[in-house]
C-alpha atoms as a PDB file:
ATOM      1  CA  UNK A   1       0.192   0.030   0.246  1.00  0.00           C
ATOM      2  CA  UNK A   2       1.500   3.441  -0.933  1.00  0.00           C
ATOM      3  CA  UNK A   3       2.206   6.058   1.816  1.00  0.00           C
ATOM      4  CA  UNK A   4      -0.270   8.558   2.215  1.00  0.00           C
ATOM      5  CA  UNK A   5       0.166  11.924   2.430  1.00  0.00           C
ATOM      6  CA  UNK A   6      -0.264  14.507   5.179  1.00  0.00           C
ATOM      7  CA  UNK A   7      -1.606  17.591   3.780  1.00  0.00           C
ATOM      8  CA  UNK A   8      -2.129  19.231   6.768  1.00  0.00           C
ATOM      9  CA  UNK A   9      -0.626  22.940   6.834  1.00  0.00           C
ATOM     10  CA  UNK A  10       1.030  24.880   9.531  1.00  0.00           C
ATOM     11  CA  UNK A  11      -0.847  27.722  10.393  1.00  0.00           C
ATOM     12  CA  UNK A  12       1.659  29.895   8.501  1.00  0.00           C
ATOM     13  CA  UNK A  13       1.230  28.473   5.341  1.00  0.00           C
ATOM     14  CA  UNK A  14      -2.943  28.279   5.633  1.00  0.00           C
ATOM     15  CA  UNK A  15      -2.653  32.376   6.382  1.00  0.00           C
ATOM     16  CA  UNK A  16      -0.487  32.294   3.032  1.00  0.00           C
ATOM     17  CA  UNK A  17      -2.860  29.832   1.270  1.00  0.00           C
ATOM     18  CA  UNK A  18      -6.330  31.805   2.396  1.00  0.00           C
ATOM     19  CA  UNK A  19      -4.862  35.159   1.421  1.00  0.00           C
ATOM     20  CA  UNK A  20      -3.989  33.568  -1.873  1.00  0.00           C
ATOM     21  CA  UNK A  21      -7.428  32.317  -2.568  1.00  0.00           C
ATOM     22  CA  UNK A  22      -8.776  36.142  -1.662  1.00  0.00           C
ATOM     23  CA  UNK A  23      -6.296  38.499  -3.509  1.00  0.00           C
ATOM     24  CA  UNK A  24      -3.734  36.726  -5.480  1.00  0.00           C
ATOM     25  CA  UNK A  25      -4.425  37.940  -9.319  1.00  0.00           C
ATOM     26  CA  UNK A  26      -3.335  34.866 -10.629  1.00  0.00           C
ATOM     27  CA  UNK A  27      -6.637  33.170 -11.605  1.00  0.00           C
ATOM     28  CA  UNK A  28      -4.520  30.138 -11.271  1.00  0.00           C
ATOM     29  CA  UNK A  29      -2.873  30.456  -8.437  1.00  0.00           C
ATOM     30  CA  UNK A  30      -6.317  30.902  -6.466  1.00  0.00           C
ATOM     31  CA  UNK A  31      -7.384  27.902  -8.078  1.00  0.00           C
ATOM     32  CA  UNK A  32      -4.678  25.748  -6.705  1.00  0.00           C
ATOM     33  CA  UNK A  33      -4.333  27.455  -3.539  1.00  0.00           C
ATOM     34  CA  UNK A  34      -8.354  26.453  -3.082  1.00  0.00           C
ATOM     35  CA  UNK A  35      -7.210  22.804  -3.596  1.00  0.00           C
ATOM     36  CA  UNK A  36      -4.404  23.279  -0.822  1.00  0.00           C
ATOM     37  CA  UNK A  37      -6.462  24.453   1.044  1.00  0.00           C
ATOM     38  CA  UNK A  38      -9.729  21.546   0.546  1.00  0.00           C
ATOM     39  CA  UNK A  39      -6.966  19.029   1.005  1.00  0.00           C
ATOM     40  CA  UNK A  40      -5.953  20.757   4.169  1.00  0.00           C
ATOM     41  CA  UNK A  41      -9.622  20.602   5.530  1.00  0.00           C
ATOM     42  CA  UNK A  42      -9.881  16.504   4.759  1.00  0.00           C
ATOM     43  CA  UNK A  43     -10.963  16.115   1.707  1.00  0.00           C
ATOM     44  CA  UNK A  44      -9.750  13.476  -0.609  1.00  0.00           C
ATOM     45  CA  UNK A  45      -7.572  14.088  -3.831  1.00  0.00           C
ATOM     46  CA  UNK A  46     -10.417  12.738  -5.742  1.00  0.00           C
ATOM     47  CA  UNK A  47     -13.151  14.507  -3.887  1.00  0.00           C
ATOM     48  CA  UNK A  48     -11.315  17.789  -4.833  1.00  0.00           C
ATOM     49  CA  UNK A  49     -10.537  17.170  -8.483  1.00  0.00           C
ATOM     50  CA  UNK A  50     -14.311  16.133  -9.018  1.00  0.00           C
ATOM     51  CA  UNK A  51     -14.939  19.910  -6.986  1.00  0.00           C
ATOM     52  CA  UNK A  52     -12.496  21.956  -8.895  1.00  0.00           C
ATOM     53  CA  UNK A  53     -13.048  19.897 -12.196  1.00  0.00           C
ATOM     54  CA  UNK A  54      -9.782  18.886 -12.513  1.00  0.00           C
ATOM     55  CA  UNK A  55      -7.985  15.539 -13.433  1.00  0.00           C
ATOM     56  CA  UNK A  56      -6.099  13.958  -9.973  1.00  0.00           C
ATOM     57  CA  UNK A  57      -3.013  14.282 -11.492  1.00  0.00           C
ATOM     58  CA  UNK A  58      -3.115  17.857 -11.307  1.00  0.00           C
ATOM     59  CA  UNK A  59      -3.673  18.145  -7.634  1.00  0.00           C
ATOM     60  CA  UNK A  60      -0.754  15.742  -6.838  1.00  0.00           C
ATOM     61  CA  UNK A  61       1.280  17.703  -9.138  1.00  0.00           C
ATOM     62  CA  UNK A  62       0.067  21.005  -7.216  1.00  0.00           C
ATOM     63  CA  UNK A  63       0.401  19.570  -3.706  1.00  0.00           C
ATOM     64  CA  UNK A  64       4.199  18.571  -5.475  1.00  0.00           C
ATOM     65  CA  UNK A  65       4.718  22.239  -6.514  1.00  0.00           C
ATOM     66  CA  UNK A  66       3.536  23.662  -3.030  1.00  0.00           C
ATOM     67  CA  UNK A  67       6.224  21.545  -1.194  1.00  0.00           C
ATOM     68  CA  UNK A  68       9.072  22.442  -3.868  1.00  0.00           C
ATOM     69  CA  UNK A  69       8.508  26.630  -4.284  1.00  0.00           C
ATOM     70  CA  UNK A  70       5.691  27.775  -2.138  1.00  0.00           C
ATOM     71  CA  UNK A  71       3.062  29.859  -3.682  1.00  0.00           C
ATOM     72  CA  UNK A  72       4.922  31.238  -6.414  1.00  0.00           C
ATOM     73  CA  UNK A  73       5.364  27.548  -7.425  1.00  0.00           C
ATOM     74  CA  UNK A  74       1.488  27.332  -7.983  1.00  0.00           C
ATOM     75  CA  UNK A  75       1.826  30.298 -10.956  1.00  0.00           C
ATOM     76  CA  UNK A  76       1.845  28.936 -14.812  1.00  0.00           C
ATOM     77  CA  UNK A  77       5.529  28.369 -15.700  1.00  0.00           C
ATOM     78  CA  UNK A  78       5.923  30.179 -19.136  1.00  0.00           C
ATOM     79  CA  UNK A  79       5.468  27.544 -22.043  1.00  0.00           C
ATOM     80  CA  UNK A  80       8.057  26.832 -24.565  1.00  0.00           C
ATOM     81  CA  UNK A  81       6.543  26.914 -28.197  1.00  0.00           C
ATOM     82  CA  UNK A  82       8.307  27.825 -31.958  1.00  0.00           C
ATOM     83  CA  UNK A  83      10.018  30.819 -31.684  1.00  0.00           C
ATOM     84  CA  UNK A  84       8.963  34.636 -33.551  1.00  0.00           C
ATOM     85  CA  UNK A  85       8.966  34.339 -37.040  1.00  0.00           C
ATOM     86  CA  UNK A  86       9.942  37.960 -36.895  1.00  0.00           C
ATOM     87  CA  UNK A  87      12.848  39.488 -34.553  1.00  0.00           C
ATOM     88  CA  UNK A  88      13.096  42.966 -33.929  1.00  0.00           C
ATOM     89  CA  UNK A  89      14.643  44.209 -37.239  1.00  0.00           C
ATOM     90  CA  UNK A  90      11.676  43.082 -39.057  1.00  0.00           C
ATOM     91  CA  UNK A  91       9.137  44.587 -37.021  1.00  0.00           C
ATOM     92  CA  UNK A  92      11.731  48.085 -37.443  1.00  0.00           C
ATOM     93  CA  UNK A  93      11.940  47.642 -41.107  1.00  0.00           C
ATOM     94  CA  UNK A  94       7.558  47.627 -40.599  1.00  0.00           C
ATOM     95  CA  UNK A  95       8.229  50.734 -38.746  1.00  0.00           C
ATOM     96  CA  UNK A  96      10.337  52.628 -41.293  1.00  0.00           C
ATOM     97  CA  UNK A  97       8.240  51.384 -44.223  1.00  0.00           C
ATOM     98  CA  UNK A  98       4.715  52.478 -43.003  1.00  0.00           C
ATOM     99  CA  UNK A  99       5.825  55.660 -42.538  1.00  0.00           C
ATOM    100  CA  UNK A 100       6.335  55.980 -46.899  1.00  0.00           C
ATOM    101  CA  UNK A 101       3.862  56.011 -48.926  1.00  0.00           C
ATOM    102  CA  UNK A 102       3.585  52.721 -51.358  1.00  0.00           C
ATOM    103  CA  UNK A 103       4.136  54.780 -54.329  1.00  0.00           C
ATOM    104  CA  UNK A 104       7.890  54.337 -53.337  1.00  0.00           C
ATOM    105  CA  UNK A 105       8.162  50.963 -53.284  1.00  0.00           C
ATOM    106  CA  UNK A 106       6.394  51.181 -57.001  1.00  0.00           C
ATOM    107  CA  UNK A 107       2.917  49.999 -55.784  1.00  0.00           C
ATOM    108  CA  UNK A 108      -0.067  51.258 -57.399  1.00  0.00           C
ATOM    109  CA  UNK A 109      -2.580  51.870 -54.333  1.00  0.00           C
ATOM    110  CA  UNK A 110      -2.224  54.920 -51.602  1.00  0.00           C
ATOM    111  CA  UNK A 111      -2.735  53.202 -48.499  1.00  0.00           C
ATOM    112  CA  UNK A 112      -1.388  50.269 -46.021  1.00  0.00           C
ATOM    113  CA  UNK A 113      -3.531  47.650 -45.330  1.00  0.00           C
ATOM    114  CA  UNK A 114      -2.364  44.600 -42.932  1.00  0.00           C
ATOM    115  CA  UNK A 115      -2.790  42.191 -45.978  1.00  0.00           C
ATOM    116  CA  UNK A 116      -0.243  44.733 -48.119  1.00  0.00           C
ATOM    117  CA  UNK A 117       1.871  44.974 -45.624  1.00  0.00           C
ATOM    118  CA  UNK A 118       2.379  41.261 -44.913  1.00  0.00           C
ATOM    119  CA  UNK A 119       2.969  40.807 -48.541  1.00  0.00           C
ATOM    120  CA  UNK A 120       5.441  43.183 -49.132  1.00  0.00           C
ATOM    121  CA  UNK A 121       7.438  42.590 -45.631  1.00  0.00           C
ATOM    122  CA  UNK A 122       7.055  38.524 -46.923  1.00  0.00           C
ATOM    123  CA  UNK A 123       8.767  40.071 -50.822  1.00  0.00           C
ATOM    124  CA  UNK A 124      11.339  41.856 -48.798  1.00  0.00           C
ATOM    125  CA  UNK A 125      12.471  39.830 -46.098  1.00  0.00           C
ATOM    126  CA  UNK A 126      10.840  36.153 -46.562  1.00  0.00           C
ATOM    127  CA  UNK A 127       9.010  36.193 -43.575  1.00  0.00           C
ATOM    128  CA  UNK A 128       4.853  35.271 -43.767  1.00  0.00           C
ATOM    129  CA  UNK A 129       3.275  36.100 -40.863  1.00  0.00           C
ATOM    130  CA  UNK A 130      -0.776  35.449 -40.185  1.00  0.00           C
ATOM    131  CA  UNK A 131      -2.782  38.924 -40.867  1.00  0.00           C
ATOM    132  CA  UNK A 132      -4.121  38.039 -36.766  1.00  0.00           C
ATOM    133  CA  UNK A 133      -0.275  37.938 -35.965  1.00  0.00           C
ATOM    134  CA  UNK A 134       0.458  41.299 -37.153  1.00  0.00           C
ATOM    135  CA  UNK A 135      -2.598  42.983 -36.307  1.00  0.00           C
ATOM    136  CA  UNK A 136      -1.936  41.702 -32.420  1.00  0.00           C
ATOM    137  CA  UNK A 137       2.014  42.693 -32.709  1.00  0.00           C
ATOM    138  CA  UNK A 138       1.306  46.122 -34.282  1.00  0.00           C
ATOM    139  CA  UNK A 139      -1.321  46.619 -31.681  1.00  0.00           C
ATOM    140  CA  UNK A 140       1.104  45.744 -29.435  1.00  0.00           C
ATOM    141  CA  UNK A 141       3.872  48.280 -30.880  1.00  0.00           C
ATOM    142  CA  UNK A 142       0.893  51.533 -30.415  1.00  0.00           C
ATOM    143  CA  UNK A 143       0.227  51.331 -34.492  1.00  0.00           C
ATOM    144  CA  UNK A 144      -3.683  52.070 -34.780  1.00  0.00           C
ATOM    145  CA  UNK A 145      -4.866  50.999 -37.946  1.00  0.00           C
ATOM    146  CA  UNK A 146      -8.045  53.209 -39.416  1.00  0.00           C
ATOM    147  CA  UNK A 147      -9.788  53.411 -42.365  1.00  0.00           C
ATOM    148  CA  UNK A 148      -8.608  56.777 -44.837  1.00  0.00           C
ATOM    149  CA  UNK A 149     -10.955  59.526 -44.783  1.00  0.00           C
ATOM    150  CA  UNK A 150     -12.155  60.563 -48.474  1.00  0.00           C
ATOM    151  CA  UNK A 151     -11.832  64.486 -49.040  1.00  0.00           C
ATOM    152  CA  UNK A 152     -13.851  66.037 -51.857  1.00  0.00           C
ATOM    153  CA  UNK A 153     -12.633  69.128 -51.334  1.00  0.00           C
ATOM    154  CA  UNK A 154     -10.467  69.283 -54.271  1.00  0.00           C
ATOM    155  CA  UNK A 155     -13.674  68.831 -56.901  1.00  0.00           C
ATOM    156  CA  UNK A 156     -16.099  71.572 -55.274  1.00  0.00           C
ATOM    157  CA  UNK A 157     -16.363  74.781 -56.299  1.00  0.00           C
ATOM    158  CA  UNK A 158     -15.196  77.288 -53.841  1.00  0.00           C
ATOM    159  CA  UNK A 159     -17.398  79.889 -54.065  1.00  0.00           C
ATOM    160  CA  UNK A 160     -20.446  77.667 -53.565  1.00  0.00           C
ATOM    161  CA  UNK A 161     -18.293  76.319 -50.589  1.00  0.00           C
ATOM    162  CA  UNK A 162     -18.098  79.753 -49.197  1.00  0.00           C
ATOM    163  CA  UNK A 163     -21.506  80.594 -49.903  1.00  0.00           C
ATOM    164  CA  UNK A 164     -22.776  77.244 -48.134  1.00  0.00           C
ATOM    165  CA  UNK A 165     -20.352  77.881 -44.974  1.00  0.00           C
ATOM    166  CA  UNK A 166     -21.700  81.522 -44.600  1.00  0.00           C
ATOM    167  CA  UNK A 167     -25.516  80.058 -44.320  1.00  0.00           C
ATOM    168  CA  UNK A 168     -24.482  77.238 -42.145  1.00  0.00           C
ATOM    169  CA  UNK A 169     -22.996  79.980 -39.938  1.00  0.00           C
ATOM    170  CA  UNK A 170     -25.924  81.886 -39.994  1.00  0.00           C
ATOM    171  CA  UNK A 171     -28.372  78.741 -39.429  1.00  0.00           C
ATOM    172  CA  UNK A 172     -25.396  78.135 -35.637  1.00  0.00           C
ATOM    173  CA  UNK A 173     -26.163  81.443 -35.141  1.00  0.00           C
ATOM    174  CA  UNK A 174     -29.994  80.826 -35.106  1.00  0.00           C
ATOM    175  CA  UNK A 175     -31.490  83.147 -37.946  1.00  0.00           C
ATOM    176  CA  UNK A 176     -33.270  80.359 -39.266  1.00  0.00           C
ATOM    177  CA  UNK A 177     -35.600  81.117 -42.160  1.00  0.00           C
ATOM    178  CA  UNK A 178     -39.709  80.976 -41.027  1.00  0.00           C
ATOM    179  CA  UNK A 179     -41.493  77.860 -40.535  1.00  0.00           C
ATOM    180  CA  UNK A 180     -43.995  76.741 -43.221  1.00  0.00           C
ATOM    181  CA  UNK A 181     -47.494  77.110 -42.534  1.00  0.00           C
ATOM    182  CA  UNK A 182     -48.630  74.659 -45.434  1.00  0.00           C
ATOM    183  CA  UNK A 183     -47.515  71.490 -43.291  1.00  0.00           C
ATOM    184  CA  UNK A 184     -50.167  69.819 -41.060  1.00  0.00           C
ATOM    185  CA  UNK A 185     -46.822  68.807 -39.056  1.00  0.00           C
ATOM    186  CA  UNK A 186     -45.386  71.905 -37.269  1.00  0.00           C
ATOM    187  CA  UNK A 187     -43.428  72.391 -34.322  1.00  0.00           C
ATOM    188  CA  UNK A 188     -44.147  74.898 -32.174  1.00  0.00           C
ATOM    189  CA  UNK A 189     -41.169  77.523 -31.159  1.00  0.00           C
END
């Protein structure tokens, strides 16, 4: 028969666990501290696992981490993964490209979109990123994508525009023309 583990905590450990349950900002630490408190109160690991909707192996693992490193050991550890495709030089180049008009690079369009930037950077560096990843990193670096505002001022008649602005100024001052009385729908002043 395997040796039974003693899940009893000292008063100081119990105080640390209770404080973590109440105030720790990391949700995984709060959950794991709750598991420790339930074990301390006499619940069996399988019952704690069922209560917290995790596997029994997780309960044993959390308890071992607690014994090895205390409260900080209950936090999620960094996960390994593929290294980022784009390095700092790539993102510096993106910053330089964004500051220039697309026509400088021989393109017919006048506005950089995420897709166009990704395609341009892929042709320049050979690094292809997904649109979502590109947007996330651009946002993290402080860039904000806004739709261009189309201005038709160059196509407008300057005298008609000035007359319309003068009329708008008069309307804003409250010099409205008298309302028509030929309608059944009127609004009293």
